[in-house]
Amino acid sequence: MNTKAAWTRLRGLAVRMRRDTGMVTSEYAMGIIAAVAFAVLLYEVVTSGQVKTELQNIVKRALSARM
C-alpha cells in the first residue's frame, strides 16, 4: 500500500470514529424523564390495593410451599 492510500484510509477511519452516535444532552434528559415517569407509573400500579394484595398472596404461597 502506498503512502497516499494509507493516509486516505486513515483519514476515512478518523472521520468514521468522530461521528456522533450517542445522545445529545437534551435527548439524554428526555430519556431520563421518560424513565422516571415509567417508574412512577409502575410504582403506583404495584402499590395499588388489588395488586399489593395479590403480590402478598403470591409471596405467602411461595413461603408456605412444601419442598
N, C-alpha and C. Protein backbone atom coordinates (compact mmCIF):
# COMPACT_ATOMS: atom_id res chain seq x y z
N MET A 1 0.86 -1.16 0.00
CA MET A 1 0.00 0.00 0.00
C MET A 1 0.91 1.23 0.00
N ASN A 2 0.60 2.17 -0.88
CA ASN A 2 1.44 3.37 -0.92
C ASN A 2 1.03 4.36 0.17
N THR A 3 1.84 5.38 0.36
CA THR A 3 1.63 6.33 1.44
C THR A 3 0.34 7.12 1.29
N LYS A 4 0.03 7.55 0.06
CA LYS A 4 -1.18 8.34 -0.15
C LYS A 4 -2.43 7.51 0.16
N ALA A 5 -2.44 6.28 -0.25
CA ALA A 5 -3.58 5.40 0.02
C ALA A 5 -3.72 5.15 1.52
N ALA A 6 -2.60 5.00 2.19
CA ALA A 6 -2.63 4.77 3.64
C ALA A 6 -3.21 5.98 4.36
N TRP A 7 -2.78 7.20 3.96
CA TRP A 7 -3.29 8.42 4.59
C TRP A 7 -4.78 8.59 4.30
N THR A 8 -5.20 8.27 3.10
CA THR A 8 -6.62 8.38 2.75
C THR A 8 -7.45 7.43 3.59
N ARG A 9 -6.95 6.23 3.73
CA ARG A 9 -7.66 5.24 4.54
C ARG A 9 -7.71 5.66 6.01
N LEU A 10 -6.59 6.18 6.52
CA LEU A 10 -6.53 6.63 7.91
C LEU A 10 -7.47 7.82 8.14
N ARG A 11 -7.53 8.73 7.18
CA ARG A 11 -8.40 9.89 7.30
C ARG A 11 -9.87 9.45 7.31
N GLY A 12 -10.21 8.50 6.46
CA GLY A 12 -11.58 7.97 6.42
C GLY A 12 -11.95 7.30 7.73
N LEU A 13 -11.01 6.58 8.31
CA LEU A 13 -11.24 5.92 9.60
C LEU A 13 -11.47 6.97 10.69
N ALA A 14 -10.68 8.03 10.68
CA ALA A 14 -10.82 9.09 11.68
C ALA A 14 -12.19 9.77 11.56
N VAL A 15 -12.65 10.00 10.34
CA VAL A 15 -13.96 10.63 10.14
C VAL A 15 -15.06 9.73 10.67
N ARG A 16 -14.97 8.44 10.41
CA ARG A 16 -15.98 7.50 10.90
C ARG A 16 -15.99 7.42 12.42
N MET A 17 -14.84 7.53 13.05
CA MET A 17 -14.76 7.44 14.50
C MET A 17 -15.28 8.71 15.17
N ARG A 18 -15.28 9.84 14.47
CA ARG A 18 -15.74 11.10 15.04
C ARG A 18 -17.25 11.26 14.94
N ARG A 19 -17.92 10.43 14.22
CA ARG A 19 -19.37 10.57 14.06
C ARG A 19 -20.06 10.51 15.42
N ASP A 20 -21.09 11.30 15.57
CA ASP A 20 -21.83 11.34 16.82
C ASP A 20 -22.85 10.21 16.83
N THR A 21 -22.59 9.19 17.61
CA THR A 21 -23.50 8.06 17.66
C THR A 21 -24.29 8.00 18.95
N GLY A 22 -23.96 8.88 19.90
CA GLY A 22 -24.66 8.88 21.18
C GLY A 22 -25.76 9.92 21.21
N MET A 23 -26.36 10.05 22.37
CA MET A 23 -27.43 11.02 22.54
C MET A 23 -26.85 12.37 22.95
N VAL A 24 -27.48 13.43 22.50
CA VAL A 24 -27.10 14.75 22.97
C VAL A 24 -27.76 14.98 24.32
N THR A 25 -27.38 16.03 25.00
CA THR A 25 -27.86 16.26 26.36
C THR A 25 -29.38 16.34 26.44
N SER A 26 -30.01 16.99 25.48
CA SER A 26 -31.47 17.10 25.53
C SER A 26 -32.14 15.74 25.34
N GLU A 27 -31.59 14.91 24.47
CA GLU A 27 -32.14 13.57 24.28
C GLU A 27 -31.94 12.74 25.55
N TYR A 28 -30.78 12.89 26.17
CA TYR A 28 -30.49 12.17 27.40
C TYR A 28 -31.47 12.59 28.49
N ALA A 29 -31.72 13.90 28.60
CA ALA A 29 -32.65 14.41 29.61
C ALA A 29 -34.06 13.88 29.36
N MET A 30 -34.50 13.86 28.12
CA MET A 30 -35.83 13.35 27.80
C MET A 30 -35.92 11.85 28.12
N GLY A 31 -34.85 11.12 27.87
CA GLY A 31 -34.82 9.70 28.21
C GLY A 31 -34.94 9.47 29.70
N ILE A 32 -34.24 10.30 30.48
CA ILE A 32 -34.31 10.20 31.94
C ILE A 32 -35.73 10.52 32.43
N ILE A 33 -36.32 11.58 31.87
CA ILE A 33 -37.68 11.96 32.27
C ILE A 33 -38.67 10.84 31.95
N ALA A 34 -38.54 10.24 30.78
CA ALA A 34 -39.42 9.14 30.40
C ALA A 34 -39.24 7.94 31.33
N ALA A 35 -37.99 7.63 31.68
CA ALA A 35 -37.73 6.50 32.58
C ALA A 35 -38.31 6.75 33.96
N VAL A 36 -38.17 7.97 34.46
CA VAL A 36 -38.71 8.30 35.78
C VAL A 36 -40.24 8.25 35.75
N ALA A 37 -40.85 8.76 34.69
CA ALA A 37 -42.30 8.71 34.57
C ALA A 37 -42.80 7.27 34.55
N PHE A 38 -42.10 6.41 33.83
CA PHE A 38 -42.47 4.99 33.79
C PHE A 38 -42.31 4.35 35.17
N ALA A 39 -41.24 4.70 35.88
CA ALA A 39 -41.02 4.15 37.22
C ALA A 39 -42.12 4.58 38.18
N VAL A 40 -42.54 5.84 38.09
CA VAL A 40 -43.63 6.33 38.95
C VAL A 40 -44.92 5.59 38.63
N LEU A 41 -45.21 5.41 37.36
CA LEU A 41 -46.41 4.69 36.95
C LEU A 41 -46.38 3.25 37.46
N LEU A 42 -45.25 2.59 37.29
CA LEU A 42 -45.10 1.22 37.76
C LEU A 42 -45.25 1.14 39.27
N TYR A 43 -44.68 2.09 39.99
CA TYR A 43 -44.80 2.13 41.45
C TYR A 43 -46.26 2.28 41.87
N GLU A 44 -46.97 3.16 41.20
CA GLU A 44 -48.39 3.37 41.52
C GLU A 44 -49.21 2.10 41.28
N VAL A 45 -48.92 1.40 40.21
CA VAL A 45 -49.65 0.16 39.91
C VAL A 45 -49.33 -0.91 40.95
N VAL A 46 -48.05 -1.06 41.27
CA VAL A 46 -47.65 -2.13 42.20
C VAL A 46 -48.14 -1.85 43.61
N THR A 47 -48.22 -0.60 44.01
CA THR A 47 -48.66 -0.29 45.37
C THR A 47 -50.16 -0.07 45.48
N SER A 48 -50.89 -0.25 44.39
CA SER A 48 -52.35 -0.14 44.48
C SER A 48 -52.88 -1.32 45.29
N GLY A 49 -54.05 -1.15 45.85
CA GLY A 49 -54.61 -2.14 46.77
C GLY A 49 -54.70 -3.54 46.21
N GLN A 50 -55.30 -3.70 45.06
CA GLN A 50 -55.53 -5.03 44.49
C GLN A 50 -54.21 -5.71 44.13
N VAL A 51 -53.33 -5.00 43.48
CA VAL A 51 -52.04 -5.58 43.08
C VAL A 51 -51.21 -5.91 44.31
N LYS A 52 -51.22 -5.03 45.29
CA LYS A 52 -50.46 -5.26 46.52
C LYS A 52 -50.95 -6.53 47.21
N THR A 53 -52.26 -6.71 47.28
CA THR A 53 -52.83 -7.91 47.90
C THR A 53 -52.43 -9.16 47.13
N GLU A 54 -52.51 -9.11 45.82
CA GLU A 54 -52.12 -10.27 45.00
C GLU A 54 -50.64 -10.61 45.18
N LEU A 55 -49.79 -9.60 45.21
CA LEU A 55 -48.35 -9.85 45.41
C LEU A 55 -48.09 -10.45 46.78
N GLN A 56 -48.79 -9.98 47.80
CA GLN A 56 -48.64 -10.55 49.14
C GLN A 56 -49.09 -12.00 49.17
N ASN A 57 -50.18 -12.30 48.48
CA ASN A 57 -50.66 -13.69 48.42
C ASN A 57 -49.66 -14.59 47.71
N ILE A 58 -49.06 -14.10 46.65
CA ILE A 58 -48.05 -14.89 45.92
C ILE A 58 -46.86 -15.18 46.83
N VAL A 59 -46.40 -14.17 47.55
CA VAL A 59 -45.26 -14.36 48.45
C VAL A 59 -45.61 -15.33 49.57
N LYS A 60 -46.80 -15.20 50.14
CA LYS A 60 -47.23 -16.10 51.21
C LYS A 60 -47.29 -17.55 50.72
N ARG A 61 -47.85 -17.74 49.51
CA ARG A 61 -47.91 -19.10 48.95
C ARG A 61 -46.52 -19.65 48.70
N ALA A 62 -45.62 -18.80 48.23
CA ALA A 62 -44.26 -19.26 47.95
C ALA A 62 -43.53 -19.64 49.24
N LEU A 63 -43.74 -18.86 50.29
CA LEU A 63 -43.06 -19.15 51.55
C LEU A 63 -43.66 -20.34 52.28
N SER A 64 -44.92 -20.63 52.06
CA SER A 64 -45.55 -21.75 52.75
C SER A 64 -45.56 -23.04 51.92
N ALA A 65 -44.97 -23.02 50.76
CA ALA A 65 -44.95 -24.20 49.90
C ALA A 65 -44.03 -25.26 50.48
N ARG A 66 -44.44 -26.51 50.33
CA ARG A 66 -43.61 -27.63 50.79
C ARG A 66 -42.60 -28.00 49.72
N MET A 67 -41.45 -28.38 50.18
CA MET A 67 -40.40 -28.78 49.23
C MET A 67 -40.16 -30.25 49.32
